[in-house]
């Protein structure tokens, strides 16, 4: 699908140095060809499903329909996240050249809890509550939590050197012109919409370039180990809207969001800072994001 992959094929040197291999997350062994002979593997793919109207609708459905929805969620997000990760790792196990695997997890594997002290920043020792994810129907957080736990169990059992990165909400330029759900949410916010963004509540933000650099950093640094929170700034929706409205007065940024009963938290990112990494600011994230949206025709000039 050259149209879908055009943004990759247009990268400098891609025609000479980029090799694309067909694979299916749900098909064991399909990653063997891509992984065999590699020294490092970066597993970044995971399906996204938001806690949208499904959660409200379920309370009005019969038990049988609810079970059907849960079955669909397993097929659409949980199985690809968990089994997909294990299938990639099974291919890694067959590769004698492998040095390290970098798995892109999520800060949502840390922050979905109801028992932490808001005065103590969350760090990599925290894990989201599976029970709470299920009760609140936070399927993405659940899928990432279960997938990362499964990855650690598999790698510890099979002697694979694994490092996981836990990014917060990514903001920055987009390579493909077809926007992903994250970039679409940001575009909606910049156009004055609140529907897609209001459920974020309090959220950590990080520049997409920093996430890429952090992957490289922990792959190349032999002392890197365990989990790494990857986030620059944590803000409430109203704080973010106020900052953006002041910085980009020509855009119809929403003034206020519907309040959500979310706990206050901060992230402790000292593990990355101890490796000498400095995160870009929230202003740099949105400057680069907006420039990209304008260039691609999604947003008028600011």
C-alpha atoms as a PDB file:
ATOM      1  CA  UNK A   1       0.000   0.000   0.000  1.00  0.00           C
ATOM      2  CA  UNK A   2       2.302   2.742  -1.271  1.00  0.00           C
ATOM      3  CA  UNK A   3      -0.227   5.480  -0.529  1.00  0.00           C
ATOM      4  CA  UNK A   4      -0.379   4.500   3.133  1.00  0.00           C
ATOM      5  CA  UNK A   5       3.416   4.185   3.318  1.00  0.00           C
ATOM      6  CA  UNK A   6       4.266   7.256   1.223  1.00  0.00           C
ATOM      7  CA  UNK A   7       5.451   9.262   4.246  1.00  0.00           C
ATOM      8  CA  UNK A   8       7.990   6.537   5.056  1.00  0.00           C
ATOM      9  CA  UNK A   9       9.194   6.051   1.494  1.00  0.00           C
ATOM     10  CA  UNK A  10       9.749   9.811   1.136  1.00  0.00           C
ATOM     11  CA  UNK A  11      12.185   9.950   4.058  1.00  0.00           C
ATOM     12  CA  UNK A  12      15.783  10.734   3.162  1.00  0.00           C
ATOM     13  CA  UNK A  13      17.606   7.525   2.206  1.00  0.00           C
ATOM     14  CA  UNK A  14      14.480   5.400   2.536  1.00  0.00           C
ATOM     15  CA  UNK A  15      14.631   4.012  -0.992  1.00  0.00           C
ATOM     16  CA  UNK A  16      18.138   2.708  -0.282  1.00  0.00           C
ATOM     17  CA  UNK A  17      18.035   1.812   3.431  1.00  0.00           C
ATOM     18  CA  UNK A  18      14.420   1.155   4.438  1.00  0.00           C
ATOM     19  CA  UNK A  19      13.146  -2.400   4.114  1.00  0.00           C
ATOM     20  CA  UNK A  20       9.443  -3.057   4.618  1.00  0.00           C
ATOM     21  CA  UNK A  21       8.256  -6.534   5.555  1.00  0.00           C
ATOM     22  CA  UNK A  22       4.662  -7.739   5.647  1.00  0.00           C
ATOM     23  CA  UNK A  23       3.583  -8.974   9.096  1.00  0.00           C
ATOM     24  CA  UNK A  24       0.450  -9.510  11.164  1.00  0.00           C
ATOM     25  CA  UNK A  25       0.407  -8.933  14.921  1.00  0.00           C
ATOM     26  CA  UNK A  26      -2.005 -11.806  15.394  1.00  0.00           C
ATOM     27  CA  UNK A  27      -0.027 -14.312  13.317  1.00  0.00           C
ATOM     28  CA  UNK A  28       2.738 -16.090  15.225  1.00  0.00           C
ATOM     29  CA  UNK A  29       5.974 -16.247  13.256  1.00  0.00           C
ATOM     30  CA  UNK A  30       5.057 -13.493  10.813  1.00  0.00           C
ATOM     31  CA  UNK A  31       7.711 -11.193  12.321  1.00  0.00           C
ATOM     32  CA  UNK A  32      10.521 -13.745  11.952  1.00  0.00           C
ATOM     33  CA  UNK A  33      11.658 -12.343   8.605  1.00  0.00           C
ATOM     34  CA  UNK A  34      11.687  -8.747   9.837  1.00  0.00           C
ATOM     35  CA  UNK A  35      13.510  -9.477  13.113  1.00  0.00           C
ATOM     36  CA  UNK A  36      16.040 -12.163  12.190  1.00  0.00           C
ATOM     37  CA  UNK A  37      19.566 -10.697  12.170  1.00  0.00           C
ATOM     38  CA  UNK A  38      18.578  -7.454  13.925  1.00  0.00           C
ATOM     39  CA  UNK A  39      20.529  -6.278  16.959  1.00  0.00           C
ATOM     40  CA  UNK A  40      17.672  -4.144  18.245  1.00  0.00           C
ATOM     41  CA  UNK A  41      13.890  -4.345  17.977  1.00  0.00           C
ATOM     42  CA  UNK A  42      11.534  -1.419  18.660  1.00  0.00           C
ATOM     43  CA  UNK A  43       7.934  -2.556  19.145  1.00  0.00           C
ATOM     44  CA  UNK A  44       5.680   0.515  18.942  1.00  0.00           C
ATOM     45  CA  UNK A  45       2.366  -0.752  17.544  1.00  0.00           C
ATOM     46  CA  UNK A  46      -0.784  -0.934  19.641  1.00  0.00           C
ATOM     47  CA  UNK A  47      -4.458  -0.307  18.784  1.00  0.00           C
ATOM     48  CA  UNK A  48      -6.171   2.728  20.314  1.00  0.00           C
ATOM     49  CA  UNK A  49      -9.754   2.775  21.536  1.00  0.00           C
ATOM     50  CA  UNK A  50     -11.003   5.706  23.589  1.00  0.00           C
ATOM     51  CA  UNK A  51     -13.331   5.558  26.622  1.00  0.00           C
ATOM     52  CA  UNK A  52     -16.072   7.106  24.500  1.00  0.00           C
ATOM     53  CA  UNK A  53     -19.823   6.601  24.501  1.00  0.00           C
ATOM     54  CA  UNK A  54     -19.443   2.822  24.815  1.00  0.00           C
ATOM     55  CA  UNK A  55     -19.066   3.126  28.576  1.00  0.00           C
ATOM     56  CA  UNK A  56     -22.308   5.091  28.956  1.00  0.00           C
ATOM     57  CA  UNK A  57     -24.212   2.908  26.542  1.00  0.00           C
ATOM     58  CA  UNK A  58     -23.273  -0.319  28.261  1.00  0.00           C
ATOM     59  CA  UNK A  59     -25.280   0.480  31.394  1.00  0.00           C
ATOM     60  CA  UNK A  60     -28.465   0.417  29.285  1.00  0.00           C
ATOM     61  CA  UNK A  61     -27.725  -2.834  27.488  1.00  0.00           C
ATOM     62  CA  UNK A  62     -28.649  -6.345  28.382  1.00  0.00           C
ATOM     63  CA  UNK A  63     -26.026  -8.664  29.792  1.00  0.00           C
ATOM     64  CA  UNK A  64     -25.784 -10.553  26.503  1.00  0.00           C
ATOM     65  CA  UNK A  65     -25.058  -7.442  24.448  1.00  0.00           C
ATOM     66  CA  UNK A  66     -22.550  -6.293  27.076  1.00  0.00           C
ATOM     67  CA  UNK A  67     -20.727  -9.612  26.798  1.00  0.00           C
ATOM     68  CA  UNK A  68     -20.724  -9.190  22.996  1.00  0.00           C
ATOM     69  CA  UNK A  69     -19.148  -5.738  23.375  1.00  0.00           C
ATOM     70  CA  UNK A  70     -16.478  -7.103  25.714  1.00  0.00           C
ATOM     71  CA  UNK A  71     -15.768  -9.838  23.188  1.00  0.00           C
ATOM     72  CA  UNK A  72     -15.387  -7.222  20.454  1.00  0.00           C
ATOM     73  CA  UNK A  73     -13.054  -5.179  22.642  1.00  0.00           C
ATOM     74  CA  UNK A  74     -10.872  -8.232  23.158  1.00  0.00           C
ATOM     75  CA  UNK A  75     -10.726  -8.790  19.407  1.00  0.00           C
ATOM     76  CA  UNK A  76     -10.088  -5.131  18.529  1.00  0.00           C
ATOM     77  CA  UNK A  77      -7.704  -3.938  21.231  1.00  0.00           C
ATOM     78  CA  UNK A  78      -6.798  -6.399  23.984  1.00  0.00           C
ATOM     79  CA  UNK A  79      -5.779  -9.376  21.873  1.00  0.00           C
ATOM     80  CA  UNK A  80      -3.692  -7.385  19.347  1.00  0.00           C
ATOM     81  CA  UNK A  81      -1.955  -5.518  22.186  1.00  0.00           C
ATOM     82  CA  UNK A  82      -1.162  -8.570  24.322  1.00  0.00           C
ATOM     83  CA  UNK A  83      -0.844 -11.421  21.816  1.00  0.00           C
ATOM     84  CA  UNK A  84       0.676  -9.068  19.258  1.00  0.00           C
ATOM     85  CA  UNK A  85       3.425  -8.109  21.697  1.00  0.00           C
ATOM     86  CA  UNK A  86       4.064 -11.751  22.589  1.00  0.00           C
ATOM     87  CA  UNK A  87       4.204 -12.720  18.916  1.00  0.00           C
ATOM     88  CA  UNK A  88       6.885 -10.094  18.290  1.00  0.00           C
ATOM     89  CA  UNK A  89       8.823 -11.323  21.337  1.00  0.00           C
ATOM     90  CA  UNK A  90       8.524 -14.953  20.200  1.00  0.00           C
ATOM     91  CA  UNK A  91      10.225 -13.912  16.956  1.00  0.00           C
ATOM     92  CA  UNK A  92      12.856 -12.048  18.994  1.00  0.00           C
ATOM     93  CA  UNK A  93      13.580 -15.240  20.952  1.00  0.00           C
ATOM     94  CA  UNK A  94      14.550 -17.005  17.710  1.00  0.00           C
ATOM     95  CA  UNK A  95      17.123 -14.328  16.796  1.00  0.00           C
ATOM     96  CA  UNK A  96      20.651 -15.053  18.137  1.00  0.00           C
ATOM     97  CA  UNK A  97      21.828 -11.575  17.072  1.00  0.00           C
ATOM     98  CA  UNK A  98      19.379  -9.760  19.343  1.00  0.00           C
ATOM     99  CA  UNK A  99      20.859  -7.413  21.953  1.00  0.00           C
ATOM    100  CA  UNK A 100      17.867  -5.479  23.263  1.00  0.00           C
ATOM    101  CA  UNK A 101      14.131  -4.948  22.765  1.00  0.00           C
ATOM    102  CA  UNK A 102      12.542  -1.526  23.312  1.00  0.00           C
ATOM    103  CA  UNK A 103       8.799  -1.686  23.923  1.00  0.00           C
ATOM    104  CA  UNK A 104       6.634   1.416  23.672  1.00  0.00           C
ATOM    105  CA  UNK A 105       4.248   1.158  26.596  1.00  0.00           C
ATOM    106  CA  UNK A 106       2.296   4.125  28.002  1.00  0.00           C
ATOM    107  CA  UNK A 107       2.071   6.379  31.037  1.00  0.00           C
ATOM    108  CA  UNK A 108      -1.458   5.012  31.329  1.00  0.00           C
ATOM    109  CA  UNK A 109       0.148   1.850  32.749  1.00  0.00           C
ATOM    110  CA  UNK A 110       1.136   3.949  35.783  1.00  0.00           C
ATOM    111  CA  UNK A 111      -1.558   6.515  36.498  1.00  0.00           C
ATOM    112  CA  UNK A 112      -4.866   4.595  36.603  1.00  0.00           C
ATOM    113  CA  UNK A 113      -4.980   4.088  40.378  1.00  0.00           C
ATOM    114  CA  UNK A 114      -7.132   5.337  43.214  1.00  0.00           C
ATOM    115  CA  UNK A 115      -4.708   4.734  46.069  1.00  0.00           C
ATOM    116  CA  UNK A 116      -1.755   7.048  45.470  1.00  0.00           C
ATOM    117  CA  UNK A 117      -0.700  10.173  47.362  1.00  0.00           C
ATOM    118  CA  UNK A 118      -1.169  13.220  45.057  1.00  0.00           C
ATOM    119  CA  UNK A 119       1.788  14.868  46.820  1.00  0.00           C
ATOM    120  CA  UNK A 120       4.162  12.139  45.623  1.00  0.00           C
ATOM    121  CA  UNK A 121       4.877  12.146  41.854  1.00  0.00           C
ATOM    122  CA  UNK A 122       4.206   8.862  40.088  1.00  0.00           C
ATOM    123  CA  UNK A 123       7.283   6.956  38.976  1.00  0.00           C
ATOM    124  CA  UNK A 124       8.063   3.688  37.207  1.00  0.00           C
ATOM    125  CA  UNK A 125       7.442   1.581  40.318  1.00  0.00           C
ATOM    126  CA  UNK A 126       3.684   2.254  40.017  1.00  0.00           C
ATOM    127  CA  UNK A 127       1.356   0.045  37.976  1.00  0.00           C
ATOM    128  CA  UNK A 128      -2.203   0.834  36.948  1.00  0.00           C
ATOM    129  CA  UNK A 129      -4.938  -1.189  38.595  1.00  0.00           C
ATOM    130  CA  UNK A 130      -6.404  -3.782  36.209  1.00  0.00           C
ATOM    131  CA  UNK A 131      -9.601  -3.850  38.267  1.00  0.00           C
ATOM    132  CA  UNK A 132      -9.980  -0.067  38.078  1.00  0.00           C
ATOM    133  CA  UNK A 133      -9.302  -0.046  34.316  1.00  0.00           C
ATOM    134  CA  UNK A 134     -12.040  -2.627  33.841  1.00  0.00           C
ATOM    135  CA  UNK A 135     -14.477  -0.849  36.151  1.00  0.00           C
ATOM    136  CA  UNK A 136     -13.954   2.512  34.401  1.00  0.00           C
ATOM    137  CA  UNK A 137     -13.800   0.792  30.989  1.00  0.00           C
ATOM    138  CA  UNK A 138     -10.416   2.323  30.168  1.00  0.00           C
ATOM    139  CA  UNK A 139      -9.630  -0.238  27.509  1.00  0.00           C
ATOM    140  CA  UNK A 140      -6.485   1.397  26.131  1.00  0.00           C
ATOM    141  CA  UNK A 141      -4.908   1.663  29.594  1.00  0.00           C
ATOM    142  CA  UNK A 142      -5.941  -1.918  30.305  1.00  0.00           C
ATOM    143  CA  UNK A 143      -4.463  -3.202  27.043  1.00  0.00           C
ATOM    144  CA  UNK A 144      -1.153  -1.398  27.574  1.00  0.00           C
ATOM    145  CA  UNK A 145      -0.897  -2.540  31.191  1.00  0.00           C
ATOM    146  CA  UNK A 146      -1.591  -6.185  30.381  1.00  0.00           C
ATOM    147  CA  UNK A 147       0.680  -6.097  27.314  1.00  0.00           C
ATOM    148  CA  UNK A 148       3.626  -4.631  29.222  1.00  0.00           C
ATOM    149  CA  UNK A 149       3.196  -7.064  32.108  1.00  0.00           C
ATOM    150  CA  UNK A 150       3.087  -9.955  29.620  1.00  0.00           C
ATOM    151  CA  UNK A 151       6.239  -8.628  27.929  1.00  0.00           C
ATOM    152  CA  UNK A 152       8.165  -8.463  31.205  1.00  0.00           C
ATOM    153  CA  UNK A 153       7.085 -11.972  32.146  1.00  0.00           C
ATOM    154  CA  UNK A 154       8.096 -13.386  28.751  1.00  0.00           C
ATOM    155  CA  UNK A 155      11.439 -11.561  28.580  1.00  0.00           C
ATOM    156  CA  UNK A 156      12.429 -12.414  32.152  1.00  0.00           C
ATOM    157  CA  UNK A 157      11.601 -16.072  31.496  1.00  0.00           C
ATOM    158  CA  UNK A 158      13.505 -16.184  28.182  1.00  0.00           C
ATOM    159  CA  UNK A 159      16.517 -14.002  29.008  1.00  0.00           C
ATOM    160  CA  UNK A 160      15.644 -11.144  26.643  1.00  0.00           C
ATOM    161  CA  UNK A 161      17.038  -7.693  27.516  1.00  0.00           C
ATOM    162  CA  UNK A 162      13.893  -5.534  27.589  1.00  0.00           C
ATOM    163  CA  UNK A 163      13.496  -1.813  28.254  1.00  0.00           C
ATOM    164  CA  UNK A 164      10.057  -0.188  28.215  1.00  0.00           C
ATOM    165  CA  UNK A 165       9.223   3.457  27.521  1.00  0.00           C
ATOM    166  CA  UNK A 166       6.071   4.987  29.002  1.00  0.00           C
ATOM    167  CA  UNK A 167       5.168   8.109  26.978  1.00  0.00           C
ATOM    168  CA  UNK A 168       2.390  10.475  27.940  1.00  0.00           C
ATOM    169  CA  UNK A 169       0.182  12.207  25.314  1.00  0.00           C
ATOM    170  CA  UNK A 170       2.269  12.836  22.173  1.00  0.00           C
ATOM    171  CA  UNK A 171       2.203  16.248  20.499  1.00  0.00           C
ATOM    172  CA  UNK A 172       4.293  17.434  17.562  1.00  0.00           C
ATOM    173  CA  UNK A 173       4.636  17.218  13.782  1.00  0.00           C
ATOM    174  CA  UNK A 174       2.949  14.366  11.927  1.00  0.00           C
ATOM    175  CA  UNK A 175       4.689  12.471   9.139  1.00  0.00           C
ATOM    176  CA  UNK A 176       1.568  10.974   7.494  1.00  0.00           C
ATOM    177  CA  UNK A 177      -1.091  13.318   6.141  1.00  0.00           C
ATOM    178  CA  UNK A 178      -3.812  11.019   7.447  1.00  0.00           C
ATOM    179  CA  UNK A 179      -3.886  12.019  11.096  1.00  0.00           C
ATOM    180  CA  UNK A 180      -3.888   9.431  13.871  1.00  0.00           C
ATOM    181  CA  UNK A 181      -6.456   9.696  16.673  1.00  0.00           C
ATOM    182  CA  UNK A 182      -4.059  11.664  18.902  1.00  0.00           C
ATOM    183  CA  UNK A 183      -3.318  14.275  16.242  1.00  0.00           C
ATOM    184  CA  UNK A 184      -7.027  14.441  15.340  1.00  0.00           C
ATOM    185  CA  UNK A 185      -7.875  15.246  18.955  1.00  0.00           C
ATOM    186  CA  UNK A 186      -5.314  18.060  18.985  1.00  0.00           C
ATOM    187  CA  UNK A 187      -6.642  19.420  15.691  1.00  0.00           C
ATOM    188  CA  UNK A 188     -10.158  19.448  17.121  1.00  0.00           C
ATOM    189  CA  UNK A 189      -8.953  21.357  20.180  1.00  0.00           C
ATOM    190  CA  UNK A 190      -7.245  23.967  17.990  1.00  0.00           C
ATOM    191  CA  UNK A 191     -10.479  24.371  16.012  1.00  0.00           C
ATOM    192  CA  UNK A 192     -12.490  25.063  19.141  1.00  0.00           C
ATOM    193  CA  UNK A 193     -13.992  21.625  19.726  1.00  0.00           C
ATOM    194  CA  UNK A 194     -14.210  20.177  23.222  1.00  0.00           C
ATOM    195  CA  UNK A 195     -16.012  16.894  22.575  1.00  0.00           C
ATOM    196  CA  UNK A 196     -12.929  14.824  21.722  1.00  0.00           C
ATOM    197  CA  UNK A 197     -10.592  16.444  24.208  1.00  0.00           C
ATOM    198  CA  UNK A 198     -12.623  16.949  27.364  1.00  0.00           C
ATOM    199  CA  UNK A 199     -12.191  13.361  28.598  1.00  0.00           C
ATOM    200  CA  UNK A 200      -8.413  13.839  28.857  1.00  0.00           C
ATOM    201  CA  UNK A 201      -8.802  15.682  32.142  1.00  0.00           C
ATOM    202  CA  UNK A 202      -5.345  15.977  33.696  1.00  0.00           C
ATOM    203  CA  UNK A 203      -2.776  14.667  31.236  1.00  0.00           C
ATOM    204  CA  UNK A 204       0.961  14.484  30.712  1.00  0.00           C
ATOM    205  CA  UNK A 205       2.326  15.816  27.411  1.00  0.00           C
ATOM    206  CA  UNK A 206       5.530  15.059  25.521  1.00  0.00           C
ATOM    207  CA  UNK A 207       7.040  16.075  22.170  1.00  0.00           C
ATOM    208  CA  UNK A 208       6.951  13.247  19.640  1.00  0.00           C
ATOM    209  CA  UNK A 209      10.597  13.920  18.722  1.00  0.00           C
ATOM    210  CA  UNK A 210      11.568  13.424  22.372  1.00  0.00           C
ATOM    211  CA  UNK A 211       9.811  10.061  22.415  1.00  0.00           C
ATOM    212  CA  UNK A 212      11.790   8.961  19.355  1.00  0.00           C
ATOM    213  CA  UNK A 213      15.065  10.198  20.863  1.00  0.00           C
ATOM    214  CA  UNK A 214      14.300   8.458  24.151  1.00  0.00           C
ATOM    215  CA  UNK A 215      13.869   5.159  22.311  1.00  0.00           C
ATOM    216  CA  UNK A 216      17.310   5.576  20.749  1.00  0.00           C
ATOM    217  CA  UNK A 217      18.855   6.685  24.042  1.00  0.00           C
ATOM    218  CA  UNK A 218      17.787   3.630  26.041  1.00  0.00           C
ATOM    219  CA  UNK A 219      18.732   1.307  23.186  1.00  0.00           C
ATOM    220  CA  UNK A 220      22.256   2.697  22.894  1.00  0.00           C
ATOM    221  CA  UNK A 221      22.929   3.249  26.611  1.00  0.00           C
ATOM    222  CA  UNK A 222      24.095  -0.063  28.052  1.00  0.00           C
ATOM    223  CA  UNK A 223      23.216   1.009  31.607  1.00  0.00           C
ATOM    224  CA  UNK A 224      19.550   1.604  30.721  1.00  0.00           C
ATOM    225  CA  UNK A 225      17.233  -0.882  32.379  1.00  0.00           C
ATOM    226  CA  UNK A 226      13.604  -1.389  33.380  1.00  0.00           C
ATOM    227  CA  UNK A 227      10.822   1.113  32.754  1.00  0.00           C
ATOM    228  CA  UNK A 228      11.189   4.806  31.789  1.00  0.00           C
ATOM    229  CA  UNK A 229       8.473   7.448  32.130  1.00  0.00           C
ATOM    230  CA  UNK A 230       8.648   9.774  29.135  1.00  0.00           C
ATOM    231  CA  UNK A 231       6.810  13.049  29.787  1.00  0.00           C
ATOM    232  CA  UNK A 232       7.541  16.757  29.846  1.00  0.00           C
ATOM    233  CA  UNK A 233       4.572  18.527  31.474  1.00  0.00           C
ATOM    234  CA  UNK A 234       1.356  17.520  33.249  1.00  0.00           C
ATOM    235  CA  UNK A 235      -1.594  19.912  32.819  1.00  0.00           C
ATOM    236  CA  UNK A 236      -5.330  20.082  33.381  1.00  0.00           C
ATOM    237  CA  UNK A 237      -7.490  20.791  30.329  1.00  0.00           C
ATOM    238  CA  UNK A 238      -8.224  24.340  31.492  1.00  0.00           C
ATOM    239  CA  UNK A 239      -4.510  25.021  32.104  1.00  0.00           C
ATOM    240  CA  UNK A 240      -3.660  23.787  28.621  1.00  0.00           C
ATOM    241  CA  UNK A 241      -6.485  25.778  26.995  1.00  0.00           C
ATOM    242  CA  UNK A 242      -5.431  28.968  28.788  1.00  0.00           C
ATOM    243  CA  UNK A 243      -1.804  28.540  27.702  1.00  0.00           C
ATOM    244  CA  UNK A 244      -2.752  27.841  24.085  1.00  0.00           C
ATOM    245  CA  UNK A 245      -5.306  30.679  23.875  1.00  0.00           C
ATOM    246  CA  UNK A 246      -2.681  33.150  25.005  1.00  0.00           C
ATOM    247  CA  UNK A 247      -0.005  31.809  22.660  1.00  0.00           C
ATOM    248  CA  UNK A 248      -2.259  31.453  19.593  1.00  0.00           C
ATOM    249  CA  UNK A 249      -4.915  34.204  19.918  1.00  0.00           C
ATOM    250  CA  UNK A 250      -6.108  33.765  16.310  1.00  0.00           C
ATOM    251  CA  UNK A 251      -7.258  30.203  16.984  1.00  0.00           C
ATOM    252  CA  UNK A 252     -10.683  29.486  18.566  1.00  0.00           C
ATOM    253  CA  UNK A 253      -9.253  27.588  21.540  1.00  0.00           C
ATOM    254  CA  UNK A 254     -12.013  26.544  23.997  1.00  0.00           C
ATOM    255  CA  UNK A 255     -12.068  28.712  27.115  1.00  0.00           C
ATOM    256  CA  UNK A 256     -13.375  26.087  29.504  1.00  0.00           C
ATOM    257  CA  UNK A 257     -13.953  22.359  29.755  1.00  0.00           C
ATOM    258  CA  UNK A 258     -16.504  20.286  31.587  1.00  0.00           C
ATOM    259  CA  UNK A 259     -14.900  19.449  34.960  1.00  0.00           C
ATOM    260  CA  UNK A 260     -13.922  15.817  35.521  1.00  0.00           C
ATOM    261  CA  UNK A 261     -13.370  14.161  38.859  1.00  0.00           C
ATOM    262  CA  UNK A 262      -9.772  13.103  38.210  1.00  0.00           C
ATOM    263  CA  UNK A 263      -7.017  12.850  40.851  1.00  0.00           C
ATOM    264  CA  UNK A 264      -4.135  15.305  40.815  1.00  0.00           C
ATOM    265  CA  UNK A 265      -0.791  13.779  39.855  1.00  0.00           C
ATOM    266  CA  UNK A 266       2.667  14.615  38.571  1.00  0.00           C
ATOM    267  CA  UNK A 267       5.256  12.375  36.922  1.00  0.00           C
ATOM    268  CA  UNK A 268       8.752  11.707  38.233  1.00  0.00           C
ATOM    269  CA  UNK A 269      10.935  11.500  35.110  1.00  0.00           C
ATOM    270  CA  UNK A 270      14.277  11.472  36.937  1.00  0.00           C
ATOM    271  CA  UNK A 271      15.315   8.191  35.268  1.00  0.00           C
ATOM    272  CA  UNK A 272      15.503   9.853  31.847  1.00  0.00           C
ATOM    273  CA  UNK A 273      17.007  13.022  33.311  1.00  0.00           C
ATOM    274  CA  UNK A 274      19.721  10.895  34.953  1.00  0.00           C
ATOM    275  CA  UNK A 275      20.731   9.850  31.427  1.00  0.00           C
ATOM    276  CA  UNK A 276      21.193  13.535  30.549  1.00  0.00           C
ATOM    277  CA  UNK A 277      17.933  13.944  28.649  1.00  0.00           C
ATOM    278  CA  UNK A 278      16.067  17.268  28.602  1.00  0.00           C
ATOM    279  CA  UNK A 279      12.449  17.332  27.445  1.00  0.00           C
ATOM    280  CA  UNK A 280      11.064  20.015  25.125  1.00  0.00           C
ATOM    281  CA  UNK A 281       8.481  22.433  26.504  1.00  0.00           C
ATOM    282  CA  UNK A 282       4.726  22.364  25.934  1.00  0.00           C
ATOM    283  CA  UNK A 283       5.142  25.500  23.796  1.00  0.00           C
ATOM    284  CA  UNK A 284       7.654  23.766  21.505  1.00  0.00           C
ATOM    285  CA  UNK A 285       5.330  20.770  21.150  1.00  0.00           C
ATOM    286  CA  UNK A 286       2.404  22.849  19.940  1.00  0.00           C
ATOM    287  CA  UNK A 287       4.524  25.216  17.823  1.00  0.00           C
ATOM    288  CA  UNK A 288       5.831  22.234  15.858  1.00  0.00           C
ATOM    289  CA  UNK A 289       2.433  20.531  15.804  1.00  0.00           C
ATOM    290  CA  UNK A 290       0.626  23.603  14.475  1.00  0.00           C
ATOM    291  CA  UNK A 291       3.320  24.251  11.846  1.00  0.00           C
ATOM    292  CA  UNK A 292       2.848  20.674  10.620  1.00  0.00           C
ATOM    293  CA  UNK A 293      -0.963  20.942  10.553  1.00  0.00           C
ATOM    294  CA  UNK A 294      -0.745  24.184   8.581  1.00  0.00           C
ATOM    295  CA  UNK A 295       1.769  22.723   6.116  1.00  0.00           C
ATOM    296  CA  UNK A 296      -0.473  19.702   5.508  1.00  0.00           C
ATOM    297  CA  UNK A 297      -3.558  21.837   5.001  1.00  0.00           C
ATOM    298  CA  UNK A 298      -5.439  20.715   8.118  1.00  0.00           C
ATOM    299  CA  UNK A 299      -5.285  24.178   9.694  1.00  0.00           C
ATOM    300  CA  UNK A 300      -5.237  27.698   8.295  1.00  0.00           C
ATOM    301  CA  UNK A 301      -2.161  29.856   8.840  1.00  0.00           C
ATOM    302  CA  UNK A 302      -1.679  31.076  12.397  1.00  0.00           C
END
